[in-house]
């Protein structure tokens, strides 16, 4: 218990020392930078102390349970922590894979990658545990291509070819008969279908 009190006292001294340094250097730009450095160092130290206290509290709780003869509860508690960690990691990996598949599908022209993700099995892709990246890119591309063949409506379609910048328009072919010569009128009349 005396160990706990001495740490509290020492952290109070640190707080007082840093607040004193803040008051001394607050006038200039350099002083503001020093204040920011001191504040960030102080917050880092406080975070470390908080983590340290949490660890000590868990250790004390485990020791107390062990002392009470409740080792089974300790074991159950640790098993729950491990299973929670595994579930969280699996969800995180699955989320990263889904993101990578969606990005690749969008690059390949998929209009609604979120709908595609509902239709394919993202668990089939192998993931590097360190980088959380899909390792078998060939399988990823093949899966998206297969999906594209079956559901081409979900991908960008190539539009009709455009001529002269305006699709499907015909040039104005109306002739001004009043400006035609006699020979042109005869030729024009022969081309008309009656």
N, C-alpha and C. Protein backbone atom coordinates (compact mmCIF):
# COMPACT_ATOMS: atom_id res chain seq x y z
N UNK A 1 0.82 -1.19 0.00
CA UNK A 1 0.00 0.00 0.00
C UNK A 1 0.87 1.25 0.00
N UNK A 2 2.02 1.21 0.70
CA UNK A 2 2.91 2.36 0.73
C UNK A 2 3.51 2.60 -0.66
N UNK A 3 3.68 1.54 -1.43
CA UNK A 3 4.19 1.67 -2.79
C UNK A 3 3.22 2.48 -3.64
N UNK A 4 1.93 2.25 -3.46
CA UNK A 4 0.90 2.97 -4.21
C UNK A 4 0.93 4.45 -3.85
N UNK A 5 1.03 4.76 -2.56
CA UNK A 5 1.04 6.16 -2.12
C UNK A 5 2.26 6.90 -2.63
N UNK A 6 3.43 6.24 -2.62
CA UNK A 6 4.64 6.91 -3.08
C UNK A 6 4.55 7.23 -4.58
N UNK A 7 3.89 6.35 -5.37
CA UNK A 7 3.74 6.62 -6.80
C UNK A 7 2.78 7.77 -7.03
N UNK A 8 1.74 7.86 -6.23
CA UNK A 8 0.79 8.96 -6.36
C UNK A 8 1.48 10.27 -6.04
N UNK A 9 2.29 10.27 -5.00
CA UNK A 9 3.01 11.48 -4.61
C UNK A 9 3.98 11.88 -5.71
N UNK A 10 4.70 10.90 -6.26
CA UNK A 10 5.66 11.23 -7.30
C UNK A 10 4.96 11.75 -8.55
N UNK A 11 3.79 11.23 -8.89
CA UNK A 11 3.08 11.75 -10.05
C UNK A 11 2.56 13.15 -9.78
N UNK A 12 2.21 13.47 -8.54
CA UNK A 12 1.80 14.82 -8.19
C UNK A 12 2.95 15.79 -8.33
N UNK A 13 4.14 15.38 -7.96
CA UNK A 13 5.32 16.22 -8.09
C UNK A 13 5.61 16.50 -9.56
N UNK A 14 5.42 15.47 -10.39
CA UNK A 14 5.63 15.65 -11.82
C UNK A 14 4.64 16.67 -12.36
N UNK A 15 3.40 16.60 -11.93
CA UNK A 15 2.39 17.53 -12.39
C UNK A 15 2.75 18.95 -11.97
N UNK A 16 3.20 19.11 -10.75
CA UNK A 16 3.56 20.44 -10.28
C UNK A 16 4.78 20.96 -11.05
N UNK A 17 5.73 20.13 -11.31
CA UNK A 17 6.94 20.56 -12.01
C UNK A 17 6.60 21.00 -13.43
N UNK A 18 5.75 20.24 -14.12
CA UNK A 18 5.41 20.61 -15.49
C UNK A 18 4.54 21.84 -15.53
N UNK A 19 3.66 22.02 -14.56
CA UNK A 19 2.84 23.22 -14.58
C UNK A 19 3.69 24.45 -14.28
N UNK A 20 4.73 24.32 -13.47
CA UNK A 20 5.65 25.42 -13.21
C UNK A 20 6.42 25.78 -14.46
N UNK A 21 6.84 24.78 -15.25
CA UNK A 21 7.57 25.03 -16.48
C UNK A 21 6.66 25.73 -17.49
N UNK A 22 5.40 25.43 -17.44
CA UNK A 22 4.45 26.06 -18.35
C UNK A 22 4.35 27.55 -18.05
N UNK A 23 4.29 27.90 -16.79
CA UNK A 23 4.14 29.30 -16.42
C UNK A 23 5.39 30.11 -16.79
N UNK A 24 6.58 29.51 -16.70
CA UNK A 24 7.82 30.22 -16.97
C UNK A 24 8.02 30.55 -18.44
N UNK A 25 7.54 29.70 -19.34
CA UNK A 25 7.89 29.81 -20.75
C UNK A 25 6.71 30.23 -21.62
N UNK A 26 5.68 30.79 -21.07
CA UNK A 26 4.47 31.06 -21.87
C UNK A 26 4.54 32.33 -22.68
N UNK A 27 5.56 33.15 -22.60
CA UNK A 27 5.60 34.44 -23.26
C UNK A 27 5.95 34.41 -24.72
N UNK A 28 6.85 33.59 -25.17
CA UNK A 28 7.34 33.65 -26.55
C UNK A 28 6.89 32.43 -27.34
N UNK A 29 7.17 32.46 -28.66
CA UNK A 29 6.85 31.32 -29.52
C UNK A 29 7.66 30.12 -29.09
N UNK A 30 8.91 30.35 -28.77
CA UNK A 30 9.76 29.25 -28.31
C UNK A 30 9.20 28.70 -27.00
N UNK A 31 8.72 29.58 -26.18
CA UNK A 31 8.14 29.14 -24.91
C UNK A 31 6.88 28.33 -25.14
N UNK A 32 6.09 28.69 -26.15
CA UNK A 32 4.89 27.93 -26.46
C UNK A 32 5.26 26.54 -26.95
N UNK A 33 6.30 26.45 -27.76
CA UNK A 33 6.75 25.14 -28.24
C UNK A 33 7.21 24.27 -27.08
N UNK A 34 7.94 24.88 -26.15
CA UNK A 34 8.39 24.13 -24.99
C UNK A 34 7.20 23.68 -24.17
N UNK A 35 6.20 24.55 -24.06
CA UNK A 35 4.99 24.20 -23.31
C UNK A 35 4.28 23.03 -23.96
N UNK A 36 4.17 23.05 -25.30
CA UNK A 36 3.52 21.95 -26.00
C UNK A 36 4.30 20.67 -25.80
N UNK A 37 5.63 20.74 -25.85
CA UNK A 37 6.46 19.55 -25.64
C UNK A 37 6.28 19.03 -24.23
N UNK A 38 6.30 19.95 -23.26
CA UNK A 38 6.13 19.54 -21.87
C UNK A 38 4.76 18.93 -21.67
N UNK A 39 3.72 19.52 -22.26
CA UNK A 39 2.37 19.00 -22.11
C UNK A 39 2.23 17.63 -22.75
N UNK A 40 2.82 17.43 -23.95
CA UNK A 40 2.72 16.12 -24.58
C UNK A 40 3.52 15.08 -23.80
N UNK A 41 4.69 15.48 -23.28
CA UNK A 41 5.45 14.56 -22.45
C UNK A 41 4.67 14.21 -21.20
N UNK A 42 4.03 15.19 -20.63
CA UNK A 42 3.26 14.98 -19.40
C UNK A 42 2.07 14.06 -19.67
N UNK A 43 1.37 14.29 -20.80
CA UNK A 43 0.23 13.43 -21.10
C UNK A 43 0.68 12.01 -21.40
N UNK A 44 1.84 11.87 -22.04
CA UNK A 44 2.38 10.53 -22.31
C UNK A 44 2.71 9.82 -21.00
N UNK A 45 3.30 10.55 -20.08
CA UNK A 45 3.63 9.97 -18.78
C UNK A 45 2.37 9.57 -18.04
N UNK A 46 1.36 10.42 -18.10
CA UNK A 46 0.10 10.11 -17.41
C UNK A 46 -0.56 8.88 -18.02
N UNK A 47 -0.51 8.75 -19.35
CA UNK A 47 -1.08 7.57 -19.99
C UNK A 47 -0.34 6.32 -19.57
N UNK A 48 0.97 6.41 -19.49
CA UNK A 48 1.76 5.24 -19.04
C UNK A 48 1.41 4.88 -17.62
N UNK A 49 1.27 5.89 -16.78
CA UNK A 49 0.91 5.63 -15.39
C UNK A 49 -0.47 5.00 -15.30
N UNK A 50 -1.42 5.49 -16.11
CA UNK A 50 -2.76 4.93 -16.11
C UNK A 50 -2.73 3.47 -16.54
N UNK A 51 -1.98 3.16 -17.61
CA UNK A 51 -1.84 1.76 -18.04
C UNK A 51 -1.21 0.92 -16.94
N UNK A 52 -0.21 1.47 -16.28
CA UNK A 52 0.45 0.77 -15.19
C UNK A 52 -0.54 0.46 -14.07
N UNK A 53 -1.37 1.44 -13.71
CA UNK A 53 -2.35 1.24 -12.64
C UNK A 53 -3.40 0.20 -13.04
N UNK A 54 -3.81 0.23 -14.28
CA UNK A 54 -4.80 -0.76 -14.74
C UNK A 54 -4.22 -2.17 -14.66
N UNK A 55 -2.97 -2.30 -15.08
CA UNK A 55 -2.31 -3.61 -15.01
C UNK A 55 -2.20 -4.08 -13.57
N UNK A 56 -1.81 -3.16 -12.68
CA UNK A 56 -1.70 -3.52 -11.27
C UNK A 56 -3.06 -3.90 -10.69
N UNK A 57 -4.11 -3.20 -11.10
CA UNK A 57 -5.45 -3.52 -10.60
C UNK A 57 -5.88 -4.91 -11.04
N UNK A 58 -5.60 -5.27 -12.31
CA UNK A 58 -5.93 -6.61 -12.79
C UNK A 58 -5.14 -7.66 -12.02
N UNK A 59 -3.85 -7.39 -11.84
CA UNK A 59 -3.00 -8.34 -11.10
C UNK A 59 -3.52 -8.53 -9.68
N UNK A 60 -3.88 -7.44 -9.03
CA UNK A 60 -4.41 -7.54 -7.66
C UNK A 60 -5.72 -8.32 -7.64
N UNK A 61 -6.57 -8.08 -8.61
CA UNK A 61 -7.85 -8.79 -8.67
C UNK A 61 -7.61 -10.29 -8.86
N UNK A 62 -6.65 -10.63 -9.74
CA UNK A 62 -6.34 -12.04 -9.95
C UNK A 62 -5.74 -12.67 -8.71
N UNK A 63 -4.85 -11.95 -8.04
CA UNK A 63 -4.24 -12.47 -6.82
C UNK A 63 -5.28 -12.68 -5.74
N UNK A 64 -6.21 -11.75 -5.64
CA UNK A 64 -7.25 -11.87 -4.64
C UNK A 64 -8.15 -13.07 -4.93
N UNK A 65 -8.50 -13.27 -6.21
CA UNK A 65 -9.32 -14.42 -6.56
C UNK A 65 -8.57 -15.73 -6.30
N UNK A 66 -7.28 -15.74 -6.63
CA UNK A 66 -6.49 -16.93 -6.37
C UNK A 66 -6.40 -17.20 -4.87
N UNK A 67 -6.24 -16.14 -4.11
CA UNK A 67 -6.15 -16.28 -2.65
C UNK A 67 -7.46 -16.80 -2.09
N UNK A 68 -8.55 -16.45 -2.69
CA UNK A 68 -9.85 -16.92 -2.23
C UNK A 68 -10.13 -18.34 -2.70
N UNK A 69 -9.25 -18.92 -3.45
CA UNK A 69 -9.44 -20.29 -3.92
C UNK A 69 -10.35 -20.35 -5.13
N UNK A 70 -10.41 -19.27 -5.90
CA UNK A 70 -11.29 -19.24 -7.06
C UNK A 70 -10.48 -19.23 -8.35
N UNK A 71 -9.62 -20.18 -8.49
CA UNK A 71 -8.77 -20.26 -9.68
C UNK A 71 -9.60 -20.52 -10.94
N UNK A 72 -10.71 -21.19 -10.77
CA UNK A 72 -11.56 -21.45 -11.93
C UNK A 72 -12.08 -20.16 -12.54
N UNK A 73 -12.42 -19.20 -11.68
CA UNK A 73 -12.89 -17.91 -12.18
C UNK A 73 -11.78 -17.18 -12.94
N UNK A 74 -10.57 -17.29 -12.43
CA UNK A 74 -9.43 -16.65 -13.10
C UNK A 74 -9.23 -17.27 -14.47
N UNK A 75 -9.29 -18.58 -14.53
CA UNK A 75 -9.11 -19.29 -15.80
C UNK A 75 -10.22 -18.90 -16.78
N UNK A 76 -11.45 -18.86 -16.29
CA UNK A 76 -12.57 -18.46 -17.15
C UNK A 76 -12.41 -17.04 -17.65
N UNK A 77 -11.96 -16.15 -16.76
CA UNK A 77 -11.75 -14.76 -17.13
C UNK A 77 -10.70 -14.66 -18.25
N UNK A 78 -9.61 -15.39 -18.10
CA UNK A 78 -8.55 -15.37 -19.11
C UNK A 78 -9.02 -15.98 -20.43
N UNK A 79 -9.82 -17.05 -20.36
CA UNK A 79 -10.35 -17.66 -21.57
C UNK A 79 -11.27 -16.68 -22.31
N UNK A 80 -12.08 -15.96 -21.55
CA UNK A 80 -12.98 -14.97 -22.16
C UNK A 80 -12.18 -13.87 -22.85
N UNK A 81 -11.10 -13.41 -22.20
CA UNK A 81 -10.26 -12.38 -22.81
C UNK A 81 -9.65 -12.87 -24.11
N UNK A 82 -9.17 -14.12 -24.12
CA UNK A 82 -8.56 -14.69 -25.32
C UNK A 82 -9.59 -14.83 -26.43
N UNK A 83 -10.79 -15.31 -26.10
CA UNK A 83 -11.81 -15.48 -27.14
C UNK A 83 -12.27 -14.13 -27.68
N UNK A 84 -12.37 -13.13 -26.81
CA UNK A 84 -12.74 -11.78 -27.26
C UNK A 84 -11.67 -11.23 -28.19
N UNK A 85 -10.42 -11.43 -27.84
CA UNK A 85 -9.32 -10.98 -28.68
C UNK A 85 -9.36 -11.67 -30.04
N UNK A 86 -9.59 -12.98 -30.05
CA UNK A 86 -9.63 -13.71 -31.32
C UNK A 86 -10.79 -13.25 -32.19
N UNK A 87 -11.95 -13.02 -31.57
CA UNK A 87 -13.11 -12.55 -32.33
C UNK A 87 -12.83 -11.17 -32.93
N UNK A 88 -12.26 -10.29 -32.13
CA UNK A 88 -11.96 -8.94 -32.60
C UNK A 88 -10.97 -8.98 -33.76
N UNK A 89 -9.95 -9.79 -33.62
CA UNK A 89 -8.95 -9.89 -34.68
C UNK A 89 -9.57 -10.49 -35.95
N UNK A 90 -10.43 -11.50 -35.82
CA UNK A 90 -11.07 -12.10 -36.99
C UNK A 90 -11.99 -11.09 -37.68
N UNK A 91 -12.73 -10.31 -36.90
CA UNK A 91 -13.60 -9.29 -37.48
C UNK A 91 -12.79 -8.22 -38.20
N UNK A 92 -11.67 -7.83 -37.61
CA UNK A 92 -10.81 -6.83 -38.22
C UNK A 92 -10.24 -7.34 -39.54
N UNK A 93 -9.78 -8.59 -39.56
CA UNK A 93 -9.23 -9.17 -40.78
C UNK A 93 -10.30 -9.27 -41.86
N UNK A 94 -11.49 -9.70 -41.47
CA UNK A 94 -12.60 -9.83 -42.43
C UNK A 94 -12.95 -8.46 -43.01
N UNK A 95 -12.96 -7.45 -42.16
CA UNK A 95 -13.27 -6.09 -42.61
C UNK A 95 -12.23 -5.59 -43.60
N UNK A 96 -10.95 -5.83 -43.31
CA UNK A 96 -9.88 -5.41 -44.21
C UNK A 96 -9.98 -6.12 -45.56
N UNK A 97 -10.31 -7.42 -45.54
CA UNK A 97 -10.45 -8.17 -46.78
C UNK A 97 -11.63 -7.62 -47.58
N UNK A 98 -12.74 -7.35 -46.91
CA UNK A 98 -13.91 -6.80 -47.59
C UNK A 98 -13.56 -5.46 -48.26
N UNK A 99 -12.81 -4.63 -47.54
CA UNK A 99 -12.40 -3.33 -48.10
C UNK A 99 -11.53 -3.52 -49.35
N UNK A 100 -10.60 -4.46 -49.28
CA UNK A 100 -9.70 -4.69 -50.42
C UNK A 100 -10.48 -5.24 -51.62
N UNK A 101 -11.43 -6.14 -51.37
CA UNK A 101 -12.24 -6.70 -52.46
C UNK A 101 -13.09 -5.59 -53.09
N UNK A 102 -13.68 -4.74 -52.25
CA UNK A 102 -14.52 -3.66 -52.76
C UNK A 102 -13.71 -2.68 -53.61
N UNK A 103 -12.52 -2.35 -53.17
CA UNK A 103 -11.67 -1.43 -53.93
C UNK A 103 -11.29 -2.04 -55.27
N UNK A 104 -10.89 -3.30 -55.26
CA UNK A 104 -10.49 -3.97 -56.50
C UNK A 104 -11.69 -4.09 -57.46
N UNK A 105 -12.87 -4.39 -56.92
CA UNK A 105 -14.07 -4.49 -57.75
C UNK A 105 -14.42 -3.14 -58.37
N UNK A 106 -14.29 -2.09 -57.59
CA UNK A 106 -14.57 -0.74 -58.11
C UNK A 106 -13.57 -0.38 -59.21
N UNK A 107 -12.32 -0.77 -59.04
CA UNK A 107 -11.31 -0.53 -60.07
C UNK A 107 -11.66 -1.27 -61.36
N UNK A 108 -12.31 -2.42 -61.21
CA UNK A 108 -12.66 -3.22 -62.37
C UNK A 108 -14.02 -2.81 -62.96
N UNK A 109 -14.62 -1.75 -62.40
CA UNK A 109 -15.85 -1.21 -62.98
C UNK A 109 -17.13 -1.59 -62.28
N UNK A 110 -17.06 -2.17 -61.12
CA UNK A 110 -18.27 -2.57 -60.39
C UNK A 110 -18.98 -1.31 -59.88
N UNK A 111 -20.28 -1.23 -60.16
CA UNK A 111 -21.05 -0.06 -59.76
C UNK A 111 -21.48 -0.13 -58.29
N UNK A 112 -21.73 -1.32 -57.78
CA UNK A 112 -22.18 -1.50 -56.40
C UNK A 112 -21.36 -2.60 -55.72
N UNK A 113 -20.12 -2.27 -55.29
CA UNK A 113 -19.27 -3.29 -54.67
C UNK A 113 -19.88 -3.88 -53.39
N UNK A 114 -20.68 -3.07 -52.67
CA UNK A 114 -21.27 -3.59 -51.42
C UNK A 114 -22.26 -4.72 -51.70
N UNK A 115 -22.95 -4.67 -52.85
CA UNK A 115 -23.85 -5.77 -53.22
C UNK A 115 -23.06 -7.01 -53.63
N UNK A 116 -21.94 -6.78 -54.31
CA UNK A 116 -21.10 -7.90 -54.71
C UNK A 116 -20.55 -8.62 -53.48
N UNK A 117 -20.18 -7.85 -52.45
CA UNK A 117 -19.63 -8.45 -51.24
C UNK A 117 -20.63 -9.36 -50.55
N UNK A 118 -21.92 -9.05 -50.69
CA UNK A 118 -22.95 -9.90 -50.10
C UNK A 118 -23.07 -11.23 -50.83
N UNK A 119 -22.70 -11.23 -52.11
CA UNK A 119 -22.87 -12.42 -52.94
C UNK A 119 -21.67 -13.35 -52.94
N UNK A 120 -20.49 -12.85 -52.61
CA UNK A 120 -19.30 -13.72 -52.66
C UNK A 120 -18.83 -14.05 -51.25
N UNK A 121 -18.04 -15.09 -51.16
CA UNK A 121 -17.48 -15.53 -49.87
C UNK A 121 -16.10 -14.92 -49.70
N UNK A 122 -15.98 -13.94 -48.81
CA UNK A 122 -14.69 -13.27 -48.61
C UNK A 122 -13.76 -14.09 -47.73
N UNK A 123 -14.27 -15.13 -47.10
CA UNK A 123 -13.43 -15.97 -46.25
C UNK A 123 -12.52 -16.89 -47.06
N UNK A 124 -12.73 -16.96 -48.38
CA UNK A 124 -11.90 -17.83 -49.22
C UNK A 124 -10.52 -17.24 -49.49
N UNK A 125 -10.33 -15.97 -49.18
CA UNK A 125 -9.06 -15.32 -49.47
C UNK A 125 -8.10 -15.45 -48.30
N UNK A 126 -6.85 -15.78 -48.61
CA UNK A 126 -5.82 -15.86 -47.59
C UNK A 126 -5.31 -14.47 -47.29
N UNK A 127 -5.02 -14.22 -46.00
CA UNK A 127 -4.61 -12.88 -45.57
C UNK A 127 -3.30 -12.99 -44.81
N UNK A 128 -2.38 -12.07 -45.12
CA UNK A 128 -1.14 -11.97 -44.37
C UNK A 128 -1.45 -11.33 -43.03
N UNK A 129 -1.14 -12.01 -41.95
CA UNK A 129 -1.49 -11.52 -40.61
C UNK A 129 -0.78 -10.23 -40.26
N UNK A 130 0.41 -10.02 -40.77
CA UNK A 130 1.16 -8.81 -40.45
C UNK A 130 0.65 -7.58 -41.16
N UNK A 131 0.38 -7.71 -42.46
CA UNK A 131 -0.04 -6.55 -43.25
C UNK A 131 -1.54 -6.47 -43.46
N UNK A 132 -2.24 -7.56 -43.15
CA UNK A 132 -3.69 -7.66 -43.36
C UNK A 132 -4.07 -7.44 -44.83
N UNK A 133 -3.23 -7.93 -45.73
CA UNK A 133 -3.47 -7.81 -47.17
C UNK A 133 -3.77 -9.20 -47.74
N UNK A 134 -4.61 -9.22 -48.76
CA UNK A 134 -4.94 -10.48 -49.44
C UNK A 134 -3.68 -10.96 -50.16
N UNK A 135 -3.28 -12.20 -49.88
CA UNK A 135 -2.04 -12.71 -50.47
C UNK A 135 -2.26 -13.35 -51.84
N UNK A 136 -3.44 -13.91 -52.08
CA UNK A 136 -3.69 -14.57 -53.36
C UNK A 136 -4.50 -13.65 -54.27
N UNK A 137 -3.81 -12.70 -54.89
CA UNK A 137 -4.45 -11.71 -55.76
C UNK A 137 -5.08 -12.37 -56.99
N UNK A 138 -4.48 -13.48 -57.47
CA UNK A 138 -5.04 -14.16 -58.64
C UNK A 138 -6.45 -14.68 -58.35
N UNK A 139 -6.63 -15.26 -57.17
CA UNK A 139 -7.95 -15.75 -56.77
C UNK A 139 -8.93 -14.59 -56.64
N UNK A 140 -8.47 -13.48 -56.11
CA UNK A 140 -9.31 -12.29 -55.98
C UNK A 140 -9.79 -11.81 -57.35
N UNK A 141 -8.86 -11.70 -58.30
CA UNK A 141 -9.22 -11.26 -59.65
C UNK A 141 -10.16 -12.24 -60.34
N UNK A 142 -9.89 -13.54 -60.18
CA UNK A 142 -10.72 -14.57 -60.79
C UNK A 142 -12.13 -14.53 -60.22
N UNK A 143 -12.25 -14.35 -58.91
CA UNK A 143 -13.56 -14.28 -58.27
C UNK A 143 -14.36 -13.09 -58.78
N UNK A 144 -13.72 -11.95 -58.91
CA UNK A 144 -14.41 -10.76 -59.41
C UNK A 144 -14.80 -10.94 -60.87
N UNK A 145 -13.90 -11.53 -61.68
CA UNK A 145 -14.20 -11.76 -63.09
C UNK A 145 -15.38 -12.73 -63.24
N UNK A 146 -15.40 -13.80 -62.44
CA UNK A 146 -16.52 -14.74 -62.49
C UNK A 146 -17.82 -14.05 -62.12
N UNK A 147 -17.77 -13.22 -61.10
CA UNK A 147 -18.96 -12.48 -60.68
C UNK A 147 -19.40 -11.53 -61.79
N UNK A 148 -18.44 -10.94 -62.47
CA UNK A 148 -18.75 -10.00 -63.55
C UNK A 148 -19.44 -10.72 -64.71
N UNK A 149 -19.00 -11.95 -65.01
CA UNK A 149 -19.63 -12.72 -66.09
C UNK A 149 -21.08 -13.04 -65.78
N UNK A 150 -21.34 -13.40 -64.52
CA UNK A 150 -22.69 -13.77 -64.10
C UNK A 150 -23.59 -12.56 -63.89
N UNK A 151 -23.01 -11.43 -63.50
CA UNK A 151 -23.79 -10.24 -63.16
C UNK A 151 -23.24 -9.02 -63.89
N UNK A 152 -23.22 -9.08 -65.19
CA UNK A 152 -22.62 -8.00 -65.97
C UNK A 152 -23.36 -6.67 -65.79
N UNK A 153 -24.63 -6.72 -65.39
CA UNK A 153 -25.40 -5.49 -65.20
C UNK A 153 -24.86 -4.65 -64.03
N UNK A 154 -24.08 -5.26 -63.15
CA UNK A 154 -23.53 -4.53 -62.01
C UNK A 154 -22.20 -3.86 -62.34
N UNK A 155 -21.76 -3.97 -63.57
CA UNK A 155 -20.49 -3.38 -63.98
C UNK A 155 -20.73 -2.37 -65.09
N UNK A 156 -19.81 -1.43 -65.22
CA UNK A 156 -19.92 -0.41 -66.25
C UNK A 156 -19.93 -1.08 -67.61
N UNK A 157 -20.85 -0.64 -68.44
CA UNK A 157 -20.96 -1.17 -69.79
C UNK A 157 -20.33 -0.19 -70.75
N UNK A 158 -19.75 -0.72 -71.82
CA UNK A 158 -19.20 0.19 -72.82
C UNK A 158 -20.36 0.77 -73.61
N UNK A 159 -20.39 2.08 -73.74
CA UNK A 159 -21.48 2.77 -74.43
C UNK A 159 -21.33 2.67 -75.94
N UNK A 160 -22.34 3.16 -76.66
CA UNK A 160 -22.26 3.14 -78.13
C UNK A 160 -21.17 4.09 -78.60
N UNK A 161 -20.66 3.80 -79.79
CA UNK A 161 -19.61 4.66 -80.31
C UNK A 161 -20.19 6.02 -80.68
N UNK A 162 -19.42 7.03 -80.48
CA UNK A 162 -19.86 8.40 -80.72
C UNK A 162 -19.09 8.95 -81.91
N UNK A 163 -19.83 9.49 -82.88
CA UNK A 163 -19.19 10.08 -84.06
C UNK A 163 -19.39 11.58 -84.00
N UNK A 164 -18.36 12.31 -84.25
CA UNK A 164 -18.41 13.77 -84.30
C UNK A 164 -18.93 14.40 -83.01
N UNK A 165 -18.81 13.72 -81.92
CA UNK A 165 -19.18 14.29 -80.64
C UNK A 165 -20.66 14.26 -80.32
N UNK A 166 -21.53 13.92 -81.28
CA UNK A 166 -22.97 13.88 -81.02
C UNK A 166 -23.48 12.50 -81.46
N UNK A 167 -23.92 11.69 -80.52
CA UNK A 167 -24.35 10.34 -80.90
C UNK A 167 -25.71 10.34 -81.59
N UNK A 168 -25.82 9.54 -82.62
CA UNK A 168 -27.10 9.24 -83.26
C UNK A 168 -27.76 10.38 -84.01
N UNK A 169 -27.07 11.38 -84.40
CA UNK A 169 -27.71 12.46 -85.17
C UNK A 169 -27.31 12.33 -86.63
N UNK A 170 -28.21 12.72 -87.48
CA UNK A 170 -27.95 12.72 -88.92
C UNK A 170 -27.78 14.16 -89.36
N UNK A 171 -26.91 14.38 -90.31
CA UNK A 171 -26.76 15.76 -90.79
C UNK A 171 -28.04 16.24 -91.46
N UNK A 172 -28.28 17.52 -91.43
CA UNK A 172 -29.47 18.12 -92.04
C UNK A 172 -29.35 17.98 -93.56
N UNK A 173 -30.23 17.15 -94.15
CA UNK A 173 -30.15 16.86 -95.59
C UNK A 173 -31.27 17.53 -96.38
N UNK A 174 -31.99 18.42 -95.78
CA UNK A 174 -33.05 19.11 -96.51
C UNK A 174 -32.41 20.03 -97.56
N UNK A 175 -32.94 19.92 -98.73
CA UNK A 175 -32.42 20.72 -99.83
C UNK A 175 -33.34 21.91 -100.10
N UNK A 176 -32.74 22.98 -100.46
CA UNK A 176 -33.50 24.16 -100.84
C UNK A 176 -33.75 24.08 -102.34
N UNK A 177 -34.97 23.68 -102.70
CA UNK A 177 -35.32 23.45 -104.10
C UNK A 177 -35.27 24.75 -104.89
N UNK A 178 -35.53 25.84 -104.25
CA UNK A 178 -35.57 27.12 -104.97
C UNK A 178 -34.19 27.50 -105.51
N UNK A 179 -33.14 26.97 -104.94
CA UNK A 179 -31.79 27.32 -105.38
C UNK A 179 -31.20 26.27 -106.33
N UNK A 180 -31.98 25.23 -106.69
CA UNK A 180 -31.47 24.16 -107.55
C UNK A 180 -31.64 24.53 -109.03
N UNK A 181 -30.72 23.99 -109.80
CA UNK A 181 -30.83 24.16 -111.25
C UNK A 181 -31.81 23.13 -111.80
N UNK A 182 -32.13 23.26 -113.08
CA UNK A 182 -33.07 22.35 -113.71
C UNK A 182 -32.54 20.92 -113.67
N UNK A 183 -31.31 20.73 -113.99
CA UNK A 183 -30.69 19.39 -114.01
C UNK A 183 -30.69 18.80 -112.59
N UNK A 184 -30.38 19.58 -111.57
CA UNK A 184 -30.38 19.10 -110.19
C UNK A 184 -31.78 18.70 -109.75
N UNK A 185 -32.81 19.43 -110.19
CA UNK A 185 -34.19 19.09 -109.86
C UNK A 185 -34.59 17.75 -110.46
N UNK A 186 -34.17 17.50 -111.69
CA UNK A 186 -34.49 16.23 -112.34
C UNK A 186 -33.80 15.07 -111.61
N UNK A 187 -32.53 15.25 -111.28
CA UNK A 187 -31.78 14.20 -110.57
C UNK A 187 -32.40 13.94 -109.20
N UNK A 188 -32.78 14.99 -108.53
CA UNK A 188 -33.39 14.86 -107.20
C UNK A 188 -34.75 14.15 -107.30
N UNK A 189 -35.53 14.47 -108.30
CA UNK A 189 -36.84 13.86 -108.48
C UNK A 189 -36.72 12.38 -108.77
N UNK A 190 -35.68 11.97 -109.48
CA UNK A 190 -35.48 10.55 -109.81
C UNK A 190 -35.06 9.75 -108.57
N UNK A 191 -34.42 10.39 -107.62
CA UNK A 191 -33.98 9.66 -106.43
C UNK A 191 -35.09 9.49 -105.39
N UNK A 192 -36.16 10.25 -105.53
CA UNK A 192 -37.26 10.15 -104.57
C UNK A 192 -38.05 8.87 -104.83
N UNK A 193 -38.47 8.26 -103.80
CA UNK A 193 -39.25 7.04 -103.90
C UNK A 193 -40.72 7.43 -103.77
N UNK A 194 -41.48 7.05 -104.76
CA UNK A 194 -42.90 7.41 -104.75
C UNK A 194 -43.75 6.24 -104.42
